[in-house]
């Protein structure tokens, strides 16, 4: 490939790398983008329903922990009543 062809290709690549000039955004485009952004945030935040679901999951988890603790207490009490220890179970 001749040297002239390579230099032309390099100039073409350098010219395509140039950034477009910074053009100020118009009011209408700004309002449109802000509206789209607001809609996206509104869709992402389901608000009260999401918070209600989180509270319900937390309540279910607390209930499960309480049931677990009650079962452990019952097992320990039964073991004491029958004179059993952890070593007896292993």
N, C-alpha and C. Protein backbone atom coordinates (compact mmCIF):
# COMPACT_ATOMS: atom_id res chain seq x y z
N UNK A 1 0.85 -1.17 0.00
CA UNK A 1 0.00 0.00 0.00
C UNK A 1 0.90 1.24 0.00
N UNK A 2 0.68 2.14 -0.91
CA UNK A 2 1.50 3.35 -0.99
C UNK A 2 1.36 4.21 0.28
N UNK A 3 2.40 4.96 0.56
CA UNK A 3 2.44 5.82 1.74
C UNK A 3 1.32 6.85 1.72
N UNK A 4 0.98 7.38 0.58
CA UNK A 4 -0.07 8.41 0.47
C UNK A 4 -1.41 7.84 0.94
N UNK A 5 -1.70 6.59 0.62
CA UNK A 5 -2.97 6.00 1.04
C UNK A 5 -3.06 5.90 2.56
N UNK A 6 -1.94 5.53 3.22
CA UNK A 6 -1.94 5.41 4.68
C UNK A 6 -2.16 6.76 5.34
N UNK A 7 -1.53 7.81 4.84
CA UNK A 7 -1.69 9.13 5.45
C UNK A 7 -3.11 9.64 5.27
N UNK A 8 -3.72 9.35 4.13
CA UNK A 8 -5.11 9.75 3.91
C UNK A 8 -6.03 9.06 4.92
N UNK A 9 -5.77 7.76 5.14
CA UNK A 9 -6.58 6.99 6.07
C UNK A 9 -6.42 7.55 7.49
N UNK A 10 -5.20 7.90 7.89
CA UNK A 10 -4.95 8.47 9.21
C UNK A 10 -5.67 9.80 9.38
N UNK A 11 -5.62 10.66 8.34
CA UNK A 11 -6.32 11.96 8.41
C UNK A 11 -7.82 11.74 8.55
N UNK A 12 -8.33 10.76 7.82
CA UNK A 12 -9.77 10.49 7.88
C UNK A 12 -10.17 10.04 9.28
N UNK A 13 -9.39 9.18 9.92
CA UNK A 13 -9.67 8.72 11.28
C UNK A 13 -9.61 9.89 12.24
N UNK A 14 -8.59 10.75 12.12
CA UNK A 14 -8.46 11.90 13.01
C UNK A 14 -9.63 12.86 12.85
N UNK A 15 -10.09 13.05 11.62
CA UNK A 15 -11.22 13.95 11.39
C UNK A 15 -12.51 13.38 11.99
N UNK A 16 -12.67 12.08 11.94
CA UNK A 16 -13.90 11.49 12.48
C UNK A 16 -13.89 11.48 14.01
N UNK A 17 -12.72 11.61 14.65
CA UNK A 17 -12.63 11.63 16.10
C UNK A 17 -12.99 12.99 16.70
N UNK A 18 -13.10 13.99 15.89
CA UNK A 18 -13.40 15.33 16.42
C UNK A 18 -14.79 15.35 17.03
N UNK A 19 -14.90 16.02 18.15
CA UNK A 19 -16.18 16.13 18.85
C UNK A 19 -17.06 17.19 18.19
N UNK A 20 -18.35 16.98 18.30
CA UNK A 20 -19.27 17.99 17.80
C UNK A 20 -19.25 19.18 18.74
N UNK A 21 -19.48 20.36 18.23
CA UNK A 21 -19.48 21.52 19.11
C UNK A 21 -20.62 21.44 20.11
N UNK A 22 -20.41 21.98 21.31
CA UNK A 22 -21.41 21.96 22.36
C UNK A 22 -22.49 22.98 22.03
N UNK A 23 -23.68 22.48 21.72
CA UNK A 23 -24.80 23.35 21.37
C UNK A 23 -25.73 23.43 22.58
N UNK A 24 -26.08 24.63 23.02
CA UNK A 24 -26.96 24.74 24.18
C UNK A 24 -28.31 24.07 23.92
N UNK A 25 -28.87 23.49 24.98
CA UNK A 25 -30.15 22.82 24.86
C UNK A 25 -31.27 23.85 24.95
N UNK A 26 -32.27 23.70 24.12
CA UNK A 26 -33.41 24.61 24.14
C UNK A 26 -34.34 24.31 25.30
N UNK A 27 -35.19 25.26 25.64
CA UNK A 27 -36.13 25.10 26.74
C UNK A 27 -37.08 23.93 26.51
N UNK A 28 -37.55 23.80 25.29
CA UNK A 28 -38.51 22.73 25.00
C UNK A 28 -37.87 21.36 25.20
N UNK A 29 -36.64 21.17 24.72
CA UNK A 29 -35.94 19.89 24.88
C UNK A 29 -35.64 19.63 26.35
N UNK A 30 -35.26 20.67 27.09
CA UNK A 30 -34.99 20.53 28.52
C UNK A 30 -36.25 20.06 29.25
N UNK A 31 -37.39 20.69 28.96
CA UNK A 31 -38.65 20.29 29.61
C UNK A 31 -39.02 18.86 29.25
N UNK A 32 -38.79 18.49 28.00
CA UNK A 32 -39.10 17.12 27.56
C UNK A 32 -38.24 16.12 28.33
N UNK A 33 -36.94 16.38 28.44
CA UNK A 33 -36.05 15.47 29.16
C UNK A 33 -36.42 15.39 30.64
N UNK A 34 -36.75 16.53 31.25
CA UNK A 34 -37.14 16.54 32.66
C UNK A 34 -38.43 15.75 32.85
N UNK A 35 -39.36 15.87 31.93
CA UNK A 35 -40.61 15.13 32.01
C UNK A 35 -40.37 13.63 31.91
N UNK A 36 -39.52 13.23 30.97
CA UNK A 36 -39.18 11.81 30.82
C UNK A 36 -38.48 11.28 32.06
N UNK A 37 -37.58 12.08 32.62
CA UNK A 37 -36.87 11.66 33.81
C UNK A 37 -37.84 11.53 34.99
N UNK A 38 -38.76 12.47 35.13
CA UNK A 38 -39.76 12.39 36.20
C UNK A 38 -40.63 11.16 36.06
N UNK A 39 -41.02 10.83 34.85
CA UNK A 39 -41.83 9.64 34.62
C UNK A 39 -41.06 8.37 34.97
N UNK A 40 -39.77 8.35 34.64
CA UNK A 40 -38.95 7.18 34.96
C UNK A 40 -38.83 7.01 36.46
N UNK A 41 -38.62 8.11 37.19
CA UNK A 41 -38.53 8.02 38.65
C UNK A 41 -39.87 7.60 39.25
N UNK A 42 -40.96 8.11 38.73
CA UNK A 42 -42.28 7.76 39.25
C UNK A 42 -42.56 6.27 39.04
N UNK A 43 -42.12 5.75 37.91
CA UNK A 43 -42.32 4.34 37.63
C UNK A 43 -41.44 3.48 38.54
N UNK A 44 -40.22 3.94 38.81
CA UNK A 44 -39.31 3.18 39.65
C UNK A 44 -39.75 3.17 41.11
N UNK A 45 -40.41 4.22 41.58
CA UNK A 45 -40.86 4.32 42.96
C UNK A 45 -42.35 4.06 43.03
N UNK A 46 -42.71 2.82 43.38
CA UNK A 46 -44.12 2.49 43.49
C UNK A 46 -44.70 2.99 44.79
N UNK A 47 -43.89 3.65 45.58
CA UNK A 47 -44.37 4.35 46.75
C UNK A 47 -44.90 3.47 47.85
N UNK A 48 -46.09 3.80 48.28
CA UNK A 48 -46.69 3.18 49.47
C UNK A 48 -46.85 1.67 49.33
N UNK A 49 -47.18 1.19 48.16
CA UNK A 49 -47.35 -0.26 47.98
C UNK A 49 -46.06 -1.01 48.25
N UNK A 50 -44.94 -0.51 47.76
CA UNK A 50 -43.64 -1.15 48.01
C UNK A 50 -43.32 -1.12 49.50
N UNK A 51 -43.57 0.02 50.15
CA UNK A 51 -43.28 0.12 51.58
C UNK A 51 -44.17 -0.84 52.38
N UNK A 52 -45.44 -0.99 51.96
CA UNK A 52 -46.34 -1.93 52.64
C UNK A 52 -45.83 -3.36 52.49
N UNK A 53 -45.34 -3.71 51.30
CA UNK A 53 -44.80 -5.05 51.08
C UNK A 53 -43.58 -5.30 51.93
N UNK A 54 -42.72 -4.30 52.07
CA UNK A 54 -41.53 -4.44 52.90
C UNK A 54 -41.93 -4.64 54.36
N UNK A 55 -42.89 -3.85 54.84
CA UNK A 55 -43.35 -4.00 56.23
C UNK A 55 -43.94 -5.38 56.46
N UNK A 56 -44.68 -5.90 55.48
CA UNK A 56 -45.28 -7.23 55.61
C UNK A 56 -44.20 -8.31 55.67
N UNK A 57 -43.17 -8.19 54.82
CA UNK A 57 -42.07 -9.16 54.86
C UNK A 57 -41.35 -9.10 56.19
N UNK A 58 -41.14 -7.89 56.72
CA UNK A 58 -40.48 -7.75 58.02
C UNK A 58 -41.33 -8.38 59.12
N UNK A 59 -42.65 -8.17 59.06
CA UNK A 59 -43.55 -8.75 60.05
C UNK A 59 -43.52 -10.27 59.98
N UNK A 60 -43.52 -10.83 58.76
CA UNK A 60 -43.45 -12.28 58.59
C UNK A 60 -42.13 -12.83 59.13
N UNK A 61 -41.04 -12.11 58.90
CA UNK A 61 -39.74 -12.54 59.40
C UNK A 61 -39.71 -12.53 60.92
N UNK A 62 -40.25 -11.47 61.53
CA UNK A 62 -40.30 -11.40 62.99
C UNK A 62 -41.16 -12.52 63.57
N UNK A 63 -42.27 -12.84 62.92
CA UNK A 63 -43.13 -13.93 63.35
C UNK A 63 -42.38 -15.26 63.27
N UNK A 64 -41.64 -15.47 62.17
CA UNK A 64 -40.86 -16.69 62.01
C UNK A 64 -39.79 -16.80 63.11
N UNK A 65 -39.12 -15.68 63.40
CA UNK A 65 -38.10 -15.70 64.46
C UNK A 65 -38.72 -16.05 65.81
N UNK A 66 -39.89 -15.50 66.09
CA UNK A 66 -40.57 -15.77 67.36
C UNK A 66 -40.97 -17.25 67.44
N UNK A 67 -41.48 -17.81 66.35
CA UNK A 67 -41.85 -19.23 66.33
C UNK A 67 -40.62 -20.11 66.51
N UNK A 68 -39.54 -19.73 65.89
CA UNK A 68 -38.28 -20.48 66.02
C UNK A 68 -37.79 -20.46 67.46
N UNK A 69 -37.81 -19.27 68.06
CA UNK A 69 -37.38 -19.15 69.45
C UNK A 69 -38.27 -19.97 70.37
N UNK A 70 -39.58 -19.96 70.15
CA UNK A 70 -40.50 -20.74 70.98
C UNK A 70 -40.23 -22.23 70.84
N UNK A 71 -39.93 -22.69 69.62
CA UNK A 71 -39.63 -24.11 69.40
C UNK A 71 -38.34 -24.51 70.12
N UNK A 72 -37.34 -23.66 70.08
CA UNK A 72 -36.07 -23.95 70.76
C UNK A 72 -36.29 -24.02 72.26
N UNK A 73 -37.05 -23.09 72.81
CA UNK A 73 -37.34 -23.08 74.25
C UNK A 73 -38.09 -24.36 74.64
N UNK A 74 -39.03 -24.76 73.81
CA UNK A 74 -39.79 -25.97 74.09
C UNK A 74 -38.89 -27.21 74.06
N UNK A 75 -37.99 -27.27 73.09
CA UNK A 75 -37.07 -28.41 72.99
C UNK A 75 -36.16 -28.46 74.21
N UNK A 76 -35.61 -27.33 74.61
CA UNK A 76 -34.72 -27.28 75.77
C UNK A 76 -35.48 -27.68 77.03
N UNK A 77 -36.71 -27.19 77.20
CA UNK A 77 -37.51 -27.54 78.37
C UNK A 77 -37.80 -29.04 78.40
N UNK A 78 -38.12 -29.61 77.25
CA UNK A 78 -38.39 -31.06 77.17
C UNK A 78 -37.13 -31.85 77.51
N UNK A 79 -35.99 -31.39 77.03
CA UNK A 79 -34.73 -32.07 77.34
C UNK A 79 -34.45 -32.03 78.84
N UNK A 80 -34.67 -30.87 79.47
CA UNK A 80 -34.45 -30.76 80.91
C UNK A 80 -35.42 -31.66 81.69
N UNK A 81 -36.66 -31.70 81.24
CA UNK A 81 -37.69 -32.50 81.90
C UNK A 81 -37.31 -33.99 81.88
N UNK A 82 -36.68 -34.43 80.79
CA UNK A 82 -36.31 -35.83 80.66
C UNK A 82 -34.85 -36.09 81.07
N UNK A 83 -34.17 -35.04 81.53
CA UNK A 83 -32.79 -35.21 81.99
C UNK A 83 -31.80 -35.45 80.86
N UNK A 84 -32.06 -34.89 79.70
CA UNK A 84 -31.17 -35.09 78.55
C UNK A 84 -30.24 -33.86 78.41
N UNK A 85 -29.08 -34.11 77.82
CA UNK A 85 -28.15 -33.02 77.50
C UNK A 85 -27.78 -33.08 76.03
N UNK A 86 -27.02 -32.12 75.59
CA UNK A 86 -26.58 -32.08 74.18
C UNK A 86 -25.75 -33.32 73.86
N UNK A 87 -24.92 -33.76 74.82
CA UNK A 87 -24.07 -34.93 74.59
C UNK A 87 -24.91 -36.17 74.34
N UNK A 88 -26.09 -36.24 74.97
CA UNK A 88 -26.96 -37.40 74.76
C UNK A 88 -27.49 -37.44 73.32
N UNK A 89 -27.60 -36.30 72.70
CA UNK A 89 -28.13 -36.23 71.33
C UNK A 89 -27.08 -36.54 70.28
N UNK A 90 -25.80 -36.42 70.62
CA UNK A 90 -24.76 -36.65 69.62
C UNK A 90 -24.28 -38.08 69.59
